[in-house]
Amino acid sequence: TVTENSGSGSVSNNHTYTLAGVYTLTLTITDNNSGSETSTFQYLSVYNPTPQGLFSGAKIFTDPSTNGKVMFGVSTKYSGTSPTGKVNMSLKSSNLDFASTSITTLVTSNGSATVRGTGTLNEVTGYTFLVTGDETNQTVRFQIKDSLNNVVYDSQTGAPDTDTPTASVTGQIIVH
């Protein structure tokens, strides 16, 4: 909504993304007196829903804050134009057991993948998750948030959602 001294107006624009990825949107409006306002929206996932989208990985990574071993499994792909699959993570030293209940987005690009969805933590519903994997570096990131969007677990605490994963995997990450 654009509010003016003598009423209100609207603004619109469009942009075509040519590569899949996660983007930050910024809109700047400048009036005829050179006054301007900027608004930022984070994040927009751009993907090409094709049957070739696949993100899988399994085994172990070390949690950087507890040095505990995190067991994980990711098996996601596109079924038609919808992402499907399962994500599981267990950090026994912190009593965390996560299991996905739905996959909402899957974005693959240049050997990296990000999957988001909902799930249960210790068999309690109401959690969302983000998992990012990098096939080239064999790294992964897990993030779990509660229903109020508070971070419950993050293997890269404080890092933006779009950061490259840093936890080295003993196992394998595959992105197609």
N, C-alpha and C. Protein backbone atom coordinates (compact mmCIF):
# COMPACT_ATOMS: atom_id res chain seq x y z
N THR A 1 0.85 -1.18 0.00
CA THR A 1 0.00 0.00 0.00
C THR A 1 0.89 1.24 0.00
N VAL A 2 0.54 2.16 -0.84
CA VAL A 2 1.24 3.44 -0.91
C VAL A 2 0.28 4.50 -0.40
N THR A 3 0.69 5.24 0.63
CA THR A 3 -0.16 6.29 1.19
C THR A 3 0.42 7.65 0.82
N GLU A 4 -0.41 8.51 0.27
CA GLU A 4 0.00 9.85 -0.12
C GLU A 4 -0.71 10.86 0.77
N ASN A 5 -0.26 12.12 0.75
CA ASN A 5 -0.93 13.16 1.53
C ASN A 5 -2.39 13.33 1.10
N SER A 6 -2.66 13.17 -0.18
CA SER A 6 -4.01 13.41 -0.67
C SER A 6 -4.74 12.12 -1.06
N GLY A 7 -4.34 11.01 -0.48
CA GLY A 7 -5.03 9.76 -0.80
C GLY A 7 -4.10 8.58 -0.76
N SER A 8 -4.39 7.61 -1.58
CA SER A 8 -3.54 6.43 -1.64
C SER A 8 -3.37 6.00 -3.08
N GLY A 9 -2.42 5.15 -3.30
CA GLY A 9 -2.14 4.68 -4.65
C GLY A 9 -1.66 3.26 -4.59
N SER A 10 -1.15 2.81 -5.69
CA SER A 10 -0.62 1.45 -5.73
C SER A 10 0.65 1.43 -6.54
N VAL A 11 1.41 0.38 -6.36
CA VAL A 11 2.63 0.18 -7.11
C VAL A 11 2.70 -1.29 -7.50
N SER A 12 3.22 -1.54 -8.67
CA SER A 12 3.41 -2.93 -9.08
C SER A 12 4.63 -3.02 -9.96
N ASN A 13 5.17 -4.21 -10.04
CA ASN A 13 6.33 -4.47 -10.87
C ASN A 13 6.39 -5.97 -11.07
N ASN A 14 7.22 -6.42 -11.97
CA ASN A 14 7.43 -7.84 -12.12
C ASN A 14 8.87 -8.10 -12.52
N HIS A 15 9.29 -9.31 -12.29
CA HIS A 15 10.65 -9.72 -12.61
C HIS A 15 10.63 -11.20 -12.95
N THR A 16 11.37 -11.58 -13.95
CA THR A 16 11.48 -12.98 -14.33
C THR A 16 12.82 -13.52 -13.84
N TYR A 17 12.75 -14.58 -13.08
CA TYR A 17 13.97 -15.23 -12.59
C TYR A 17 14.35 -16.33 -13.56
N THR A 18 15.62 -16.37 -13.93
CA THR A 18 16.08 -17.36 -14.90
C THR A 18 16.77 -18.54 -14.25
N LEU A 19 17.12 -18.43 -12.97
CA LEU A 19 17.77 -19.53 -12.26
C LEU A 19 17.01 -19.84 -10.98
N ALA A 20 16.90 -21.12 -10.68
CA ALA A 20 16.31 -21.54 -9.41
C ALA A 20 17.22 -21.06 -8.27
N GLY A 21 16.62 -20.74 -7.14
CA GLY A 21 17.39 -20.30 -5.99
C GLY A 21 16.49 -19.64 -4.96
N VAL A 22 17.11 -19.10 -3.92
CA VAL A 22 16.40 -18.38 -2.87
C VAL A 22 16.86 -16.94 -2.95
N TYR A 23 15.91 -16.03 -3.10
CA TYR A 23 16.22 -14.62 -3.36
C TYR A 23 15.62 -13.71 -2.29
N THR A 24 16.28 -12.57 -2.06
CA THR A 24 15.75 -11.48 -1.24
C THR A 24 15.20 -10.43 -2.19
N LEU A 25 13.96 -9.98 -1.97
CA LEU A 25 13.33 -8.97 -2.82
C LEU A 25 13.44 -7.61 -2.17
N THR A 26 13.82 -6.60 -2.94
CA THR A 26 13.89 -5.23 -2.45
C THR A 26 13.15 -4.33 -3.43
N LEU A 27 12.25 -3.51 -2.90
CA LEU A 27 11.49 -2.57 -3.71
C LEU A 27 11.74 -1.17 -3.17
N THR A 28 12.16 -0.25 -4.03
CA THR A 28 12.36 1.15 -3.67
C THR A 28 11.41 2.00 -4.50
N ILE A 29 10.65 2.86 -3.84
CA ILE A 29 9.72 3.78 -4.51
C ILE A 29 10.25 5.19 -4.29
N THR A 30 10.36 5.94 -5.39
CA THR A 30 10.81 7.33 -5.32
C THR A 30 9.70 8.22 -5.85
N ASP A 31 9.34 9.26 -5.07
CA ASP A 31 8.26 10.16 -5.51
C ASP A 31 8.82 11.30 -6.36
N ASN A 32 7.93 12.19 -6.80
CA ASN A 32 8.35 13.28 -7.68
C ASN A 32 9.16 14.36 -6.96
N ASN A 33 9.29 14.30 -5.64
CA ASN A 33 10.12 15.23 -4.88
C ASN A 33 11.43 14.58 -4.44
N SER A 34 11.76 13.46 -5.04
CA SER A 34 12.98 12.69 -4.75
C SER A 34 12.97 12.02 -3.38
N GLY A 35 11.83 11.98 -2.73
CA GLY A 35 11.71 11.20 -1.49
C GLY A 35 11.57 9.73 -1.85
N SER A 36 12.14 8.85 -1.04
CA SER A 36 12.04 7.43 -1.37
C SER A 36 11.89 6.58 -0.11
N GLU A 37 11.33 5.42 -0.29
CA GLU A 37 11.17 4.40 0.75
C GLU A 37 11.57 3.06 0.15
N THR A 38 12.19 2.24 0.97
CA THR A 38 12.61 0.92 0.54
C THR A 38 12.01 -0.13 1.45
N SER A 39 11.56 -1.22 0.86
CA SER A 39 11.01 -2.34 1.62
C SER A 39 11.68 -3.62 1.13
N THR A 40 12.01 -4.52 2.07
CA THR A 40 12.68 -5.77 1.74
C THR A 40 11.82 -6.94 2.19
N PHE A 41 11.71 -7.94 1.34
CA PHE A 41 10.98 -9.17 1.66
C PHE A 41 11.96 -10.33 1.56
N GLN A 42 12.02 -11.13 2.63
CA GLN A 42 12.90 -12.30 2.63
C GLN A 42 12.05 -13.52 2.90
N TYR A 43 12.04 -14.47 2.22
CA TYR A 43 12.77 -14.88 1.05
C TYR A 43 11.78 -15.39 0.03
N LEU A 44 12.17 -15.37 -1.24
CA LEU A 44 11.38 -15.92 -2.32
C LEU A 44 12.12 -17.13 -2.87
N SER A 45 11.45 -18.29 -2.86
CA SER A 45 12.03 -19.50 -3.45
C SER A 45 11.57 -19.60 -4.89
N VAL A 46 12.52 -19.70 -5.79
CA VAL A 46 12.23 -19.85 -7.21
C VAL A 46 12.68 -21.25 -7.60
N TYR A 47 11.78 -21.99 -8.22
CA TYR A 47 12.13 -23.34 -8.61
C TYR A 47 11.45 -23.71 -9.91
N ASN A 48 11.98 -24.71 -10.55
CA ASN A 48 11.41 -25.25 -11.76
C ASN A 48 10.91 -26.65 -11.43
N PRO A 49 9.61 -26.81 -11.23
CA PRO A 49 9.09 -28.11 -10.80
C PRO A 49 9.13 -29.14 -11.93
N THR A 50 10.22 -29.87 -11.97
CA THR A 50 10.38 -30.91 -12.96
C THR A 50 10.65 -32.23 -12.25
N PRO A 51 10.41 -33.33 -12.90
CA PRO A 51 10.66 -34.63 -12.27
C PRO A 51 12.13 -34.86 -11.93
N GLN A 52 13.02 -34.00 -12.43
CA GLN A 52 14.44 -34.20 -12.16
C GLN A 52 14.88 -33.67 -10.80
N GLY A 53 14.08 -32.87 -10.11
CA GLY A 53 14.47 -32.31 -8.82
C GLY A 53 14.60 -33.40 -7.77
N LEU A 54 15.79 -33.56 -7.21
CA LEU A 54 16.06 -34.61 -6.22
C LEU A 54 17.08 -34.11 -5.21
N PHE A 55 16.84 -34.37 -3.94
CA PHE A 55 17.78 -34.06 -2.87
C PHE A 55 17.74 -35.22 -1.90
N SER A 56 18.86 -35.90 -1.76
CA SER A 56 18.92 -36.99 -0.78
C SER A 56 20.25 -36.94 -0.07
N GLY A 57 20.24 -37.44 1.13
CA GLY A 57 21.46 -37.49 1.92
C GLY A 57 21.21 -38.30 3.16
N ALA A 58 22.29 -38.84 3.71
CA ALA A 58 22.13 -39.65 4.91
C ALA A 58 23.46 -39.83 5.61
N LYS A 59 23.35 -40.09 6.87
CA LYS A 59 24.41 -40.56 7.75
C LYS A 59 24.55 -39.64 8.96
N ILE A 60 25.71 -38.96 9.09
CA ILE A 60 26.04 -38.26 10.33
C ILE A 60 26.76 -36.95 10.03
N PHE A 61 26.48 -35.93 10.86
CA PHE A 61 27.35 -34.76 10.93
C PHE A 61 27.49 -34.39 12.39
N THR A 62 28.50 -33.62 12.73
CA THR A 62 28.76 -33.23 14.12
C THR A 62 28.12 -31.87 14.38
N ASP A 63 27.29 -31.80 15.45
CA ASP A 63 26.68 -30.54 15.84
C ASP A 63 27.76 -29.61 16.38
N PRO A 64 27.89 -28.40 15.82
CA PRO A 64 28.98 -27.51 16.23
C PRO A 64 28.88 -27.00 17.67
N SER A 65 27.68 -26.91 18.23
CA SER A 65 27.57 -26.36 19.58
C SER A 65 27.72 -27.41 20.68
N THR A 66 27.40 -28.67 20.40
CA THR A 66 27.48 -29.70 21.44
C THR A 66 28.51 -30.78 21.14
N ASN A 67 29.05 -30.77 19.93
CA ASN A 67 29.93 -31.84 19.44
C ASN A 67 29.24 -33.19 19.41
N GLY A 68 27.91 -33.20 19.55
CA GLY A 68 27.15 -34.44 19.47
C GLY A 68 27.00 -34.89 18.03
N LYS A 69 26.81 -36.17 17.86
CA LYS A 69 26.62 -36.74 16.53
C LYS A 69 25.14 -36.63 16.14
N VAL A 70 24.90 -36.01 14.98
CA VAL A 70 23.55 -35.85 14.45
C VAL A 70 23.34 -36.90 13.36
N MET A 71 22.38 -37.79 13.58
CA MET A 71 22.00 -38.76 12.56
C MET A 71 20.91 -38.09 11.72
N PHE A 72 20.98 -38.23 10.39
CA PHE A 72 19.98 -37.60 9.56
C PHE A 72 19.70 -38.42 8.30
N GLY A 73 18.55 -38.14 7.74
CA GLY A 73 18.17 -38.72 6.46
C GLY A 73 17.29 -37.75 5.71
N VAL A 74 17.58 -37.54 4.44
CA VAL A 74 16.80 -36.67 3.56
C VAL A 74 16.55 -37.46 2.28
N SER A 75 15.29 -37.55 1.90
CA SER A 75 14.93 -38.20 0.64
C SER A 75 13.74 -37.44 0.07
N THR A 76 14.03 -36.47 -0.81
CA THR A 76 12.98 -35.62 -1.38
C THR A 76 13.14 -35.56 -2.88
N LYS A 77 12.01 -35.41 -3.56
CA LYS A 77 12.02 -35.29 -5.01
C LYS A 77 10.69 -34.68 -5.44
N TYR A 78 10.59 -34.38 -6.72
CA TYR A 78 9.32 -33.92 -7.27
C TYR A 78 8.52 -35.11 -7.77
N SER A 79 7.25 -35.10 -7.44
CA SER A 79 6.29 -36.04 -7.99
C SER A 79 5.32 -35.19 -8.80
N GLY A 80 5.52 -35.16 -10.12
CA GLY A 80 4.78 -34.21 -10.95
C GLY A 80 5.32 -32.82 -10.66
N THR A 81 4.45 -31.92 -10.18
CA THR A 81 4.89 -30.56 -9.85
C THR A 81 4.92 -30.33 -8.34
N SER A 82 4.78 -31.38 -7.54
CA SER A 82 4.78 -31.23 -6.07
C SER A 82 5.98 -31.93 -5.45
N PRO A 83 6.64 -31.26 -4.49
CA PRO A 83 7.73 -31.94 -3.80
C PRO A 83 7.18 -32.95 -2.79
N THR A 84 7.83 -34.08 -2.69
CA THR A 84 7.45 -35.13 -1.75
C THR A 84 8.70 -35.68 -1.09
N GLY A 85 8.50 -36.46 -0.04
CA GLY A 85 9.62 -37.14 0.58
C GLY A 85 9.58 -37.10 2.08
N LYS A 86 10.72 -37.41 2.68
CA LYS A 86 10.87 -37.49 4.13
C LYS A 86 12.18 -36.86 4.55
N VAL A 87 12.14 -36.26 5.73
CA VAL A 87 13.34 -35.70 6.37
C VAL A 87 13.31 -36.13 7.82
N ASN A 88 14.42 -36.67 8.31
CA ASN A 88 14.54 -37.07 9.71
C ASN A 88 15.87 -36.58 10.25
N MET A 89 15.89 -36.24 11.53
CA MET A 89 17.11 -35.81 12.19
C MET A 89 17.03 -36.19 13.66
N SER A 90 18.14 -36.69 14.20
CA SER A 90 18.17 -37.07 15.61
C SER A 90 19.49 -36.64 16.23
N LEU A 91 19.39 -35.85 17.31
CA LEU A 91 20.56 -35.45 18.10
C LEU A 91 20.30 -35.95 19.51
N LYS A 92 20.74 -37.16 19.79
CA LYS A 92 20.45 -37.83 21.07
C LYS A 92 20.99 -37.05 22.27
N SER A 93 22.16 -36.42 22.13
CA SER A 93 22.75 -35.70 23.27
C SER A 93 21.90 -34.52 23.72
N SER A 94 21.02 -34.02 22.85
CA SER A 94 20.13 -32.91 23.20
C SER A 94 18.66 -33.34 23.22
N ASN A 95 18.43 -34.64 23.13
CA ASN A 95 17.07 -35.20 23.15
C ASN A 95 16.19 -34.58 22.06
N LEU A 96 16.71 -34.52 20.84
CA LEU A 96 15.96 -33.98 19.71
C LEU A 96 15.74 -35.07 18.67
N ASP A 97 14.48 -35.36 18.40
CA ASP A 97 14.12 -36.30 17.33
C ASP A 97 13.09 -35.61 16.45
N PHE A 98 13.47 -35.34 15.20
CA PHE A 98 12.60 -34.63 14.26
C PHE A 98 12.21 -35.56 13.13
N ALA A 99 10.94 -35.46 12.70
CA ALA A 99 10.46 -36.20 11.53
C ALA A 99 9.52 -35.29 10.74
N SER A 100 9.74 -35.21 9.44
CA SER A 100 8.88 -34.37 8.60
C SER A 100 7.50 -35.01 8.46
N THR A 101 6.49 -34.14 8.30
CA THR A 101 5.14 -34.60 8.00
C THR A 101 4.69 -34.12 6.63
N SER A 102 5.32 -33.04 6.12
CA SER A 102 5.04 -32.58 4.75
C SER A 102 6.24 -31.82 4.22
N ILE A 103 6.38 -31.84 2.90
CA ILE A 103 7.41 -31.09 2.20
C ILE A 103 6.68 -29.98 1.44
N THR A 104 7.07 -28.72 1.69
CA THR A 104 6.39 -27.61 1.02
C THR A 104 7.17 -27.06 -0.16
N THR A 105 8.50 -27.02 -0.07
CA THR A 105 9.31 -26.54 -1.20
C THR A 105 10.59 -27.37 -1.31
N LEU A 106 11.03 -27.52 -2.53
CA LEU A 106 12.31 -28.15 -2.83
C LEU A 106 12.92 -27.35 -3.96
N VAL A 107 14.09 -26.76 -3.71
CA VAL A 107 14.79 -25.97 -4.71
C VAL A 107 16.17 -26.58 -4.91
N THR A 108 16.49 -26.93 -6.15
CA THR A 108 17.82 -27.45 -6.47
C THR A 108 18.45 -26.54 -7.51
N SER A 109 19.74 -26.26 -7.33
CA SER A 109 20.45 -25.40 -8.27
C SER A 109 21.95 -25.57 -8.09
N ASN A 110 22.64 -25.88 -9.17
CA ASN A 110 24.11 -25.93 -9.18
C ASN A 110 24.69 -26.80 -8.07
N GLY A 111 24.14 -27.97 -7.85
CA GLY A 111 24.68 -28.90 -6.87
C GLY A 111 24.27 -28.64 -5.43
N SER A 112 23.39 -27.65 -5.22
CA SER A 112 22.88 -27.36 -3.88
C SER A 112 21.37 -27.53 -3.88
N ALA A 113 20.82 -27.86 -2.71
CA ALA A 113 19.37 -28.03 -2.59
C ALA A 113 18.91 -27.50 -1.25
N THR A 114 17.69 -26.96 -1.25
CA THR A 114 17.04 -26.52 -0.02
C THR A 114 15.65 -27.12 -0.01
N VAL A 115 15.29 -27.73 1.11
CA VAL A 115 13.95 -28.28 1.28
C VAL A 115 13.35 -27.68 2.54
N ARG A 116 12.07 -27.35 2.48
CA ARG A 116 11.33 -26.80 3.61
C ARG A 116 10.05 -27.59 3.78
N GLY A 117 9.56 -27.59 5.02
CA GLY A 117 8.30 -28.26 5.28
C GLY A 117 7.91 -28.18 6.73
N THR A 118 7.03 -29.09 7.14
CA THR A 118 6.55 -29.15 8.52
C THR A 118 6.87 -30.52 9.09
N GLY A 119 6.80 -30.60 10.42
CA GLY A 119 7.08 -31.89 11.04
C GLY A 119 6.85 -31.90 12.53
N THR A 120 7.28 -33.00 13.14
CA THR A 120 7.14 -33.19 14.58
C THR A 120 8.52 -33.19 15.23
N LEU A 121 8.60 -32.65 16.42
CA LEU A 121 9.81 -32.70 17.22
C LEU A 121 9.47 -33.45 18.49
N ASN A 122 10.15 -34.55 18.72
CA ASN A 122 9.85 -35.43 19.86
C ASN A 122 8.36 -35.79 19.88
N GLU A 123 7.83 -36.06 18.68
CA GLU A 123 6.45 -36.49 18.44
C GLU A 123 5.40 -35.41 18.73
N VAL A 124 5.82 -34.14 18.83
CA VAL A 124 4.90 -33.01 19.03
C VAL A 124 4.82 -32.25 17.70
N THR A 125 3.60 -31.95 17.24
CA THR A 125 3.41 -31.26 15.97
C THR A 125 3.63 -29.75 16.11
N GLY A 126 3.67 -29.05 14.98
CA GLY A 126 3.73 -27.59 14.98
C GLY A 126 5.09 -27.01 14.69
N TYR A 127 5.95 -27.76 14.03
CA TYR A 127 7.31 -27.29 13.75
C TYR A 127 7.52 -27.17 12.24
N THR A 128 8.40 -26.25 11.85
CA THR A 128 8.82 -26.12 10.46
C THR A 128 10.31 -26.41 10.39
N PHE A 129 10.77 -26.74 9.20
CA PHE A 129 12.19 -27.04 9.06
C PHE A 129 12.74 -26.50 7.75
N LEU A 130 14.05 -26.37 7.74
CA LEU A 130 14.84 -26.00 6.56
C LEU A 130 16.04 -26.93 6.56
N VAL A 131 16.29 -27.57 5.43
CA VAL A 131 17.50 -28.37 5.27
C VAL A 131 18.14 -27.95 3.96
N THR A 132 19.43 -27.63 4.02
CA THR A 132 20.19 -27.27 2.84
C THR A 132 21.36 -28.23 2.72
N GLY A 133 21.58 -28.72 1.51
CA GLY A 133 22.70 -29.63 1.27
C GLY A 133 23.51 -29.17 0.09
N ASP A 134 24.81 -29.43 0.13
CA ASP A 134 25.71 -29.08 -0.96
C ASP A 134 26.45 -30.35 -1.39
N GLU A 135 26.18 -30.79 -2.62
CA GLU A 135 26.77 -32.03 -3.13
C GLU A 135 28.27 -31.90 -3.34
N THR A 136 28.73 -30.76 -3.84
CA THR A 136 30.15 -30.57 -4.13
C THR A 136 31.00 -30.66 -2.87
N ASN A 137 30.58 -29.96 -1.81
CA ASN A 137 31.36 -29.92 -0.57
C ASN A 137 30.94 -30.99 0.44
N GLN A 138 29.85 -31.72 0.14
CA GLN A 138 29.32 -32.74 1.05
C GLN A 138 29.08 -32.15 2.44
N THR A 139 28.27 -31.05 2.44
CA THR A 139 27.90 -30.36 3.68
C THR A 139 26.39 -30.24 3.77
N VAL A 140 25.91 -30.02 5.01
CA VAL A 140 24.47 -29.94 5.25
C VAL A 140 24.19 -28.93 6.35
N ARG A 141 22.98 -28.40 6.34
CA ARG A 141 22.50 -27.53 7.42
C ARG A 141 21.08 -27.95 7.77
N PHE A 142 20.78 -28.04 9.06
CA PHE A 142 19.44 -28.31 9.55
C PHE A 142 19.00 -27.16 10.44
N GLN A 143 17.74 -26.74 10.27
CA GLN A 143 17.14 -25.72 11.12
C GLN A 143 15.71 -26.13 11.42
N ILE A 144 15.31 -26.02 12.69
CA ILE A 144 13.95 -26.33 13.12
C ILE A 144 13.42 -25.14 13.89
N LYS A 145 12.17 -24.73 13.56
CA LYS A 145 11.52 -23.62 14.26
C LYS A 145 10.19 -24.07 14.83
N ASP A 146 9.79 -23.44 15.95
CA ASP A 146 8.49 -23.75 16.55
C ASP A 146 7.39 -22.95 15.87
N SER A 147 6.16 -23.09 16.35
CA SER A 147 5.00 -22.44 15.71
C SER A 147 5.05 -20.92 15.81
N LEU A 148 5.88 -20.36 16.70
CA LEU A 148 6.03 -18.91 16.82
C LEU A 148 7.24 -18.40 16.03
N ASN A 149 7.83 -19.29 15.21
CA ASN A 149 8.98 -18.97 14.37
C ASN A 149 10.27 -18.79 15.17
N ASN A 150 10.31 -19.33 16.40
CA ASN A 150 11.53 -19.30 17.20
C ASN A 150 12.41 -20.48 16.81
N VAL A 151 13.70 -20.23 16.65
CA VAL A 151 14.62 -21.31 16.29
C VAL A 151 14.80 -22.23 17.50
N VAL A 152 14.50 -23.50 17.29
CA VAL A 152 14.67 -24.53 18.31
C VAL A 152 16.02 -25.22 18.13
N TYR A 153 16.41 -25.41 16.88
CA TYR A 153 17.70 -26.01 16.57
C TYR A 153 18.20 -25.43 15.25
N ASP A 154 19.49 -25.15 15.18
CA ASP A 154 20.11 -24.71 13.95
C ASP A 154 21.58 -25.11 13.98
N SER A 155 22.00 -25.86 13.00
CA SER A 155 23.41 -26.26 12.94
C SER A 155 24.31 -25.10 12.50
N GLN A 156 23.72 -23.97 12.12
CA GLN A 156 24.47 -22.75 11.79
C GLN A 156 23.79 -21.57 12.47
N THR A 157 23.82 -21.56 13.77
CA THR A 157 23.13 -20.55 14.56
C THR A 157 23.49 -19.14 14.11
N GLY A 158 22.44 -18.35 13.86
CA GLY A 158 22.61 -16.94 13.50
C GLY A 158 22.87 -16.69 12.03
N ALA A 159 23.11 -17.73 11.25
CA ALA A 159 23.38 -17.53 9.82
C ALA A 159 22.07 -17.32 9.06
N PRO A 160 22.09 -16.48 8.01
CA PRO A 160 20.89 -16.32 7.19
C PRO A 160 20.48 -17.65 6.56
N ASP A 161 19.20 -17.81 6.28
CA ASP A 161 18.69 -19.05 5.69
C ASP A 161 19.36 -19.39 4.36
N THR A 162 19.87 -18.39 3.66
CA THR A 162 20.46 -18.60 2.35
C THR A 162 21.95 -18.94 2.38
N ASP A 163 22.56 -19.00 3.57
CA ASP A 163 23.98 -19.32 3.65
C ASP A 163 24.27 -20.74 3.17
N THR A 164 25.46 -20.93 2.66
CA THR A 164 25.92 -22.25 2.24
C THR A 164 26.09 -23.12 3.47
N PRO A 165 25.65 -24.39 3.42
CA PRO A 165 25.80 -25.26 4.58
C PRO A 165 27.27 -25.52 4.90
N THR A 166 27.58 -25.70 6.19
CA THR A 166 28.97 -25.86 6.60
C THR A 166 29.27 -27.15 7.33
N ALA A 167 28.28 -27.90 7.80
CA ALA A 167 28.54 -29.13 8.56
C ALA A 167 28.94 -30.25 7.61
N SER A 168 30.17 -30.73 7.75
CA SER A 168 30.66 -31.81 6.89
C SER A 168 29.94 -33.11 7.22
N VAL A 169 29.61 -33.85 6.18
CA VAL A 169 28.83 -35.07 6.30
C VAL A 169 29.72 -36.29 6.20
N THR A 170 29.52 -37.23 7.13
CA THR A 170 30.07 -38.57 6.99
C THR A 170 28.93 -39.38 6.40
N GLY A 171 28.96 -39.60 5.13
CA GLY A 171 27.87 -40.20 4.40
C GLY A 171 27.86 -39.61 3.01
N GLN A 172 26.68 -39.20 2.54
CA GLN A 172 26.62 -38.67 1.19
C GLN A 172 25.45 -37.70 1.02
N ILE A 173 25.69 -36.64 0.23
CA ILE A 173 24.67 -35.70 -0.20
C ILE A 173 24.58 -35.82 -1.73
N ILE A 174 23.36 -36.00 -2.24
CA ILE A 174 23.14 -36.08 -3.69
C ILE A 174 22.08 -35.05 -4.08
N VAL A 175 22.40 -34.23 -5.08
CA VAL A 175 21.47 -33.22 -5.58
C VAL A 175 21.41 -33.34 -7.10
N HIS A 176 20.19 -33.48 -7.65
CA HIS A 176 20.00 -33.53 -9.11
C HIS A 176 18.88 -32.60 -9.49
